[in-house]
PDB file of N, CA and C in Angstrom:
ATOM      1  N   MET A   1       0.844  -1.171   0.000  1.00  0.00           N
ATOM      2  CA  MET A   1       0.000   0.000   0.000  1.00  0.00           C
ATOM      3  C   MET A   1       0.894   1.239   0.000  1.00  0.00           C
ATOM      4  N   LYS A   2       0.555   2.201  -0.818  1.00  0.00           N
ATOM      5  CA  LYS A   2       1.356   3.419  -0.939  1.00  0.00           C
ATOM      6  C   LYS A   2       1.000   4.402   0.175  1.00  0.00           C
ATOM      7  N   SER A   3       1.906   5.354   0.420  1.00  0.00           N
ATOM      8  CA  SER A   3       1.727   6.291   1.541  1.00  0.00           C
ATOM      9  C   SER A   3       0.453   7.121   1.408  1.00  0.00           C
ATOM     10  N   TRP A   4       0.113   7.567   0.195  1.00  0.00           N
ATOM     11  CA  TRP A   4      -1.090   8.387   0.030  1.00  0.00           C
ATOM     12  C   TRP A   4      -2.348   7.576   0.327  1.00  0.00           C
ATOM     13  N   GLN A   5      -2.326   6.275   0.054  1.00  0.00           N
ATOM     14  CA  GLN A   5      -3.475   5.431   0.366  1.00  0.00           C
ATOM     15  C   GLN A   5      -3.610   5.256   1.877  1.00  0.00           C
ATOM     16  N   LEU A   6      -2.488   5.098   2.553  1.00  0.00           N
ATOM     17  CA  LEU A   6      -2.511   4.961   4.015  1.00  0.00           C
ATOM     18  C   LEU A   6      -2.996   6.235   4.693  1.00  0.00           C
ATOM     19  N   VAL A   7      -2.633   7.394   4.148  1.00  0.00           N
ATOM     20  CA  VAL A   7      -3.102   8.662   4.717  1.00  0.00           C
ATOM     21  C   VAL A   7      -4.622   8.692   4.706  1.00  0.00           C
ATOM     22  N   ARG A   8      -5.229   8.316   3.596  1.00  0.00           N
ATOM     23  CA  ARG A   8      -6.684   8.328   3.497  1.00  0.00           C
ATOM     24  C   ARG A   8      -7.320   7.279   4.399  1.00  0.00           C
ATOM     25  N   LEU A   9      -6.680   6.121   4.510  1.00  0.00           N
ATOM     26  CA  LEU A   9      -7.175   5.072   5.403  1.00  0.00           C
ATOM     27  C   LEU A   9      -7.135   5.527   6.865  1.00  0.00           C
ATOM     28  N   ILE A  10      -6.024   6.118   7.268  1.00  0.00           N
ATOM     29  CA  ILE A  10      -5.869   6.587   8.642  1.00  0.00           C
ATOM     30  C   ILE A  10      -6.834   7.731   8.931  1.00  0.00           C
ATOM     31  N   ALA A  11      -6.945   8.693   8.005  1.00  0.00           N
ATOM     32  CA  ALA A  11      -7.853   9.825   8.214  1.00  0.00           C
ATOM     33  C   ALA A  11      -9.301   9.351   8.328  1.00  0.00           C
ATOM     34  N   GLY A  12      -9.714   8.454   7.456  1.00  0.00           N
ATOM     35  CA  GLY A  12     -11.077   7.925   7.527  1.00  0.00           C
ATOM     36  C   GLY A  12     -11.346   7.189   8.820  1.00  0.00           C
ATOM     37  N   THR A  13     -10.373   6.413   9.269  1.00  0.00           N
ATOM     38  CA  THR A  13     -10.514   5.690  10.532  1.00  0.00           C
ATOM     39  C   THR A  13     -10.617   6.656  11.703  1.00  0.00           C
ATOM     40  N   PHE A  14      -9.752   7.686  11.719  1.00  0.00           N
ATOM     41  CA  PHE A  14      -9.800   8.687  12.789  1.00  0.00           C
ATOM     42  C   PHE A  14     -11.136   9.411  12.823  1.00  0.00           C
ATOM     43  N   ILE A  15     -11.647   9.766  11.655  1.00  0.00           N
ATOM     44  CA  ILE A  15     -12.924  10.485  11.606  1.00  0.00           C
ATOM     45  C   ILE A  15     -14.057   9.612  12.131  1.00  0.00           C
ATOM     46  N   LEU A  16     -14.147   8.380  11.655  1.00  0.00           N
ATOM     47  CA  LEU A  16     -15.227   7.497  12.109  1.00  0.00           C
ATOM     48  C   LEU A  16     -15.118   7.196  13.600  1.00  0.00           C
ATOM     49  N   LEU A  17     -13.902   6.956  14.087  1.00  0.00           N
ATOM     50  CA  LEU A  17     -13.703   6.669  15.501  1.00  0.00           C
ATOM     51  C   LEU A  17     -14.058   7.868  16.373  1.00  0.00           C
ATOM     52  N   SER A  18     -13.604   9.067  15.968  1.00  0.00           N
ATOM     53  CA  SER A  18     -13.902  10.246  16.782  1.00  0.00           C
ATOM     54  C   SER A  18     -15.382  10.595  16.743  1.00  0.00           C
ATOM     55  N   LEU A  19     -16.061  10.330  15.634  1.00  0.00           N
ATOM     56  CA  LEU A  19     -17.513  10.535  15.598  1.00  0.00           C
ATOM     57  C   LEU A  19     -18.214   9.559  16.537  1.00  0.00           C
ATOM     58  N   ALA A  20     -17.776   8.303  16.531  1.00  0.00           N
ATOM     59  CA  ALA A  20     -18.379   7.307  17.423  1.00  0.00           C
ATOM     60  C   ALA A  20     -18.178   7.691  18.892  1.00  0.00           C
ATOM     61  N   LEU A  21     -17.024   8.264  19.209  1.00  0.00           N
ATOM     62  CA  LEU A  21     -16.736   8.650  20.591  1.00  0.00           C
ATOM     63  C   LEU A  21     -17.358   9.987  20.981  1.00  0.00           C
ATOM     64  N   GLY A  22     -17.757  10.809  19.980  1.00  0.00           N
ATOM     65  CA  GLY A  22     -18.225  12.147  20.287  1.00  0.00           C
ATOM     66  C   GLY A  22     -19.706  12.409  20.134  1.00  0.00           C
ATOM     67  N   ILE A  23     -20.441  11.491  19.512  1.00  0.00           N
ATOM     68  CA  ILE A  23     -21.879  11.704  19.321  1.00  0.00           C
ATOM     69  C   ILE A  23     -22.632  11.068  20.487  1.00  0.00           C
ATOM     70  N   PRO A  24     -23.452  11.850  21.201  1.00  0.00           N
ATOM     71  CA  PRO A  24     -24.125  11.349  22.409  1.00  0.00           C
ATOM     72  C   PRO A  24     -24.975  10.092  22.204  1.00  0.00           C
ATOM     73  N   GLY A  25     -25.534   9.868  21.037  1.00  0.00           N
ATOM     74  CA  GLY A  25     -26.354   8.681  20.817  1.00  0.00           C
ATOM     75  C   GLY A  25     -25.559   7.413  20.577  1.00  0.00           C
ATOM     76  N   SER A  26     -24.260   7.534  20.465  1.00  0.00           N
ATOM     77  CA  SER A  26     -23.408   6.379  20.169  1.00  0.00           C
ATOM     78  C   SER A  26     -23.261   5.475  21.400  1.00  0.00           C
ATOM     79  N   PRO A  27     -23.205   4.160  21.185  1.00  0.00           N
ATOM     80  CA  PRO A  27     -23.022   3.247  22.328  1.00  0.00           C
ATOM     81  C   PRO A  27     -21.636   3.351  22.973  1.00  0.00           C
ATOM     82  N   VAL A  28     -20.680   3.944  22.278  1.00  0.00           N
ATOM     83  CA  VAL A  28     -19.332   4.099  22.840  1.00  0.00           C
ATOM     84  C   VAL A  28     -19.007   5.563  23.134  1.00  0.00           C
ATOM     85  N   PHE A  29     -20.048   6.384  23.345  1.00  0.00           N
ATOM     86  CA  PHE A  29     -19.871   7.817  23.615  1.00  0.00           C
ATOM     87  C   PHE A  29     -18.976   8.038  24.831  1.00  0.00           C
ATOM     88  N   VAL A  30     -18.031   8.969  24.686  1.00  0.00           N
ATOM     89  CA  VAL A  30     -17.154   9.347  25.792  1.00  0.00           C
ATOM     90  C   VAL A  30     -17.359  10.820  26.141  1.00  0.00           C
ATOM     91  N   SER A  31     -17.167  11.693  25.139  1.00  0.00           N
ATOM     92  CA  SER A  31     -17.289  13.133  25.356  1.00  0.00           C
ATOM     93  C   SER A  31     -17.498  13.819  24.009  1.00  0.00           C
ATOM     94  N   GLN A  32     -18.232  14.923  24.025  1.00  0.00           N
ATOM     95  CA  GLN A  32     -18.428  15.670  22.787  1.00  0.00           C
ATOM     96  C   GLN A  32     -17.144  16.347  22.323  1.00  0.00           C
ATOM     97  N   TRP A  33     -16.147  16.408  23.167  1.00  0.00           N
ATOM     98  CA  TRP A  33     -14.862  16.992  22.791  1.00  0.00           C
ATOM     99  C   TRP A  33     -14.160  16.172  21.709  1.00  0.00           C
ATOM    100  N   TRP A  34     -14.561  14.924  21.533  1.00  0.00           N
ATOM    101  CA  TRP A  34     -13.995  14.120  20.458  1.00  0.00           C
ATOM    102  C   TRP A  34     -14.331  14.701  19.090  1.00  0.00           C
ATOM    103  N   LEU A  35     -15.411  15.485  19.007  1.00  0.00           N
ATOM    104  CA  LEU A  35     -15.772  16.114  17.739  1.00  0.00           C
ATOM    105  C   LEU A  35     -14.739  17.150  17.319  1.00  0.00           C
ATOM    106  N   ALA A  36     -14.007  17.704  18.269  1.00  0.00           N
ATOM    107  CA  ALA A  36     -12.916  18.624  17.939  1.00  0.00           C
ATOM    108  C   ALA A  36     -11.819  17.884  17.178  1.00  0.00           C
ATOM    109  N   PHE A  37     -11.593  16.635  17.519  1.00  0.00           N
ATOM    110  CA  PHE A  37     -10.599  15.830  16.792  1.00  0.00           C
ATOM    111  C   PHE A  37     -11.071  15.578  15.365  1.00  0.00           C
ATOM    112  N   THR A  38     -12.376  15.368  15.185  1.00  0.00           N
ATOM    113  CA  THR A  38     -12.937  15.213  13.844  1.00  0.00           C
ATOM    114  C   THR A  38     -12.664  16.464  13.023  1.00  0.00           C
ATOM    115  N   ALA A  39     -12.893  17.630  13.617  1.00  0.00           N
ATOM    116  CA  ALA A  39     -12.641  18.892  12.927  1.00  0.00           C
ATOM    117  C   ALA A  39     -11.156  19.067  12.617  1.00  0.00           C
ATOM    118  N   PHE A  40     -10.286  18.650  13.517  1.00  0.00           N
ATOM    119  CA  PHE A  40      -8.840  18.739  13.311  1.00  0.00           C
ATOM    120  C   PHE A  40      -8.407  17.900  12.108  1.00  0.00           C
ATOM    121  N   VAL A  41      -8.908  16.674  12.016  1.00  0.00           N
ATOM    122  CA  VAL A  41      -8.557  15.801  10.893  1.00  0.00           C
ATOM    123  C   VAL A  41      -9.085  16.397   9.591  1.00  0.00           C
ATOM    124  N   GLY A  42     -10.314  16.896   9.608  1.00  0.00           N
ATOM    125  CA  GLY A  42     -10.881  17.512   8.419  1.00  0.00           C
ATOM    126  C   GLY A  42     -10.093  18.735   7.978  1.00  0.00           C
ATOM    127  N   ALA A  43      -9.673  19.552   8.927  1.00  0.00           N
ATOM    128  CA  ALA A  43      -8.879  20.740   8.603  1.00  0.00           C
ATOM    129  C   ALA A  43      -7.527  20.351   8.007  1.00  0.00           C
ATOM    130  N   ASN A  44      -6.933  19.285   8.510  1.00  0.00           N
ATOM    131  CA  ASN A  44      -5.664  18.818   7.951  1.00  0.00           C
ATOM    132  C   ASN A  44      -5.837  18.279   6.538  1.00  0.00           C
ATOM    133  N   LEU A  45      -6.947  17.598   6.275  1.00  0.00           N
ATOM    134  CA  LEU A  45      -7.213  17.130   4.915  1.00  0.00           C
ATOM    135  C   LEU A  45      -7.389  18.305   3.964  1.00  0.00           C
ATOM    136  N   LEU A  46      -8.102  19.324   4.407  1.00  0.00           N
ATOM    137  CA  LEU A  46      -8.294  20.523   3.594  1.00  0.00           C
ATOM    138  C   LEU A  46      -6.961  21.216   3.332  1.00  0.00           C
ATOM    139  N   GLN A  47      -6.158  21.383   4.366  1.00  0.00           N
ATOM    140  CA  GLN A  47      -4.852  22.025   4.230  1.00  0.00           C
ATOM    141  C   GLN A  47      -3.965  21.249   3.266  1.00  0.00           C
ATOM    142  N   SER A  48      -3.955  19.933   3.362  1.00  0.00           N
ATOM    143  CA  SER A  48      -3.086  19.142   2.483  1.00  0.00           C
ATOM    144  C   SER A  48      -3.558  19.200   1.032  1.00  0.00           C
ATOM    145  N   ALA A  49      -4.856  19.340   0.813  1.00  0.00           N
ATOM    146  CA  ALA A  49      -5.363  19.469  -0.555  1.00  0.00           C
ATOM    147  C   ALA A  49      -4.955  20.800  -1.170  1.00  0.00           C
ATOM    148  N   LEU A  50      -4.923  21.852  -0.360  1.00  0.00           N
ATOM    149  CA  LEU A  50      -4.596  23.176  -0.880  1.00  0.00           C
ATOM    150  C   LEU A  50      -3.096  23.406  -1.037  1.00  0.00           C
ATOM    151  N   THR A  51      -2.292  22.824  -0.152  1.00  0.00           N
ATOM    152  CA  THR A  51      -0.847  23.072  -0.176  1.00  0.00           C
ATOM    153  C   THR A  51      -0.047  21.928  -0.790  1.00  0.00           C
ATOM    154  N   ARG A  52      -0.689  20.795  -0.997  1.00  0.00           N
ATOM    155  CA  ARG A  52      -0.037  19.582  -1.520  1.00  0.00           C
ATOM    156  C   ARG A  52       1.094  19.114  -0.605  1.00  0.00           C
ATOM    157  N   TRP A  53       0.967  19.357   0.714  1.00  0.00           N
ATOM    158  CA  TRP A  53       1.925  18.891   1.711  1.00  0.00           C
ATOM    159  C   TRP A  53       1.157  18.260   2.858  1.00  0.00           C
ATOM    160  N   CYS A  54       1.573  17.064   3.262  1.00  0.00           N
ATOM    161  CA  CYS A  54       0.884  16.347   4.330  1.00  0.00           C
ATOM    162  C   CYS A  54       1.925  15.750   5.280  1.00  0.00           C
ATOM    163  N   LEU A  55       1.877  16.152   6.526  1.00  0.00           N
ATOM    164  CA  LEU A  55       2.827  15.654   7.516  1.00  0.00           C
ATOM    165  C   LEU A  55       2.717  14.143   7.688  1.00  0.00           C
ATOM    166  N   MET A  56       1.489  13.613   7.726  1.00  0.00           N
ATOM    167  CA  MET A  56       1.312  12.169   7.900  1.00  0.00           C
ATOM    168  C   MET A  56       1.968  11.392   6.757  1.00  0.00           C
ATOM    169  N   GLU A  57       1.858  11.902   5.540  1.00  0.00           N
ATOM    170  CA  GLU A  57       2.479  11.221   4.409  1.00  0.00           C
ATOM    171  C   GLU A  57       3.999  11.252   4.521  1.00  0.00           C
ATOM    172  N   ASN A  58       4.560  12.366   4.988  1.00  0.00           N
ATOM    173  CA  ASN A  58       6.010  12.442   5.201  1.00  0.00           C
ATOM    174  C   ASN A  58       6.458  11.439   6.257  1.00  0.00           C
ATOM    175  N   ILE A  59       5.695  11.320   7.327  1.00  0.00           N
ATOM    176  CA  ILE A  59       6.029  10.362   8.387  1.00  0.00           C
ATOM    177  C   ILE A  59       5.992   8.938   7.844  1.00  0.00           C
ATOM    178  N   LEU A  60       4.953   8.614   7.083  1.00  0.00           N
ATOM    179  CA  LEU A  60       4.830   7.267   6.528  1.00  0.00           C
ATOM    180  C   LEU A  60       5.962   6.947   5.553  1.00  0.00           C
ATOM    181  N   ARG A  61       6.372   7.929   4.776  1.00  0.00           N
ATOM    182  CA  ARG A  61       7.499   7.714   3.856  1.00  0.00           C
ATOM    183  C   ARG A  61       8.779   7.441   4.629  1.00  0.00           C
ATOM    184  N   LYS A  62       8.994   8.163   5.735  1.00  0.00           N
ATOM    185  CA  LYS A  62      10.191   7.935   6.547  1.00  0.00           C
ATOM    186  C   LYS A  62      10.157   6.571   7.230  1.00  0.00           C
ATOM    187  N   LEU A  63       8.939   6.045   7.460  1.00  0.00           N
ATOM    188  CA  LEU A  63       8.814   4.709   8.036  1.00  0.00           C
ATOM    189  C   LEU A  63       9.008   3.620   6.989  1.00  0.00           C
ATOM    190  N   GLY A  64       9.163   4.022   5.722  1.00  0.00           N
ATOM    191  CA  GLY A  64       9.476   3.060   4.688  1.00  0.00           C
ATOM    192  C   GLY A  64       8.352   2.724   3.727  1.00  0.00           C
ATOM    193  N   PHE A  65       7.218   3.394   3.846  1.00  0.00           N
ATOM    194  CA  PHE A  65       6.119   3.135   2.915  1.00  0.00           C
ATOM    195  C   PHE A  65       6.428   3.815   1.586  1.00  0.00           C
ATOM    196  N   GLU A  66       6.026   3.165   0.530  1.00  0.00           N
ATOM    197  CA  GLU A  66       6.333   3.627  -0.815  1.00  0.00           C
ATOM    198  C   GLU A  66       5.496   4.853  -1.192  1.00  0.00           C
ATOM    199  N   PRO A  67       6.159   5.913  -1.682  1.00  0.00           N
ATOM    200  CA  PRO A  67       5.376   7.051  -2.185  1.00  0.00           C
ATOM    201  C   PRO A  67       4.755   6.698  -3.526  1.00  0.00           C
ATOM    202  N   GLY A  68       3.778   7.440  -3.923  1.00  0.00           N
ATOM    203  CA  GLY A  68       3.151   7.197  -5.214  1.00  0.00           C
ATOM    204  C   GLY A  68       2.081   8.217  -5.482  1.00  0.00           C
ATOM    205  N   CYS A  69       1.608   8.255  -6.736  1.00  0.00           N
ATOM    206  CA  CYS A  69       0.577   9.218  -7.075  1.00  0.00           C
ATOM    207  C   CYS A  69      -0.767   8.580  -7.275  1.00  0.00           C
TER     208      CYS A  69
END
């Protein structure tokens, strides 16, 4: 799996997990503050789309994952 694919996999997982932890109707609800993490991940996705730079992708490349387009 290439680094850009892992970034999307990790971001999607973080968003779904933080929504599950932050929505009061969820069976695994912890606190509504988890929704701030959802916003943080979304803001990072927006920033990376506009600047074409993603810290998570750089980290994954340094860990040895293959870059690709």
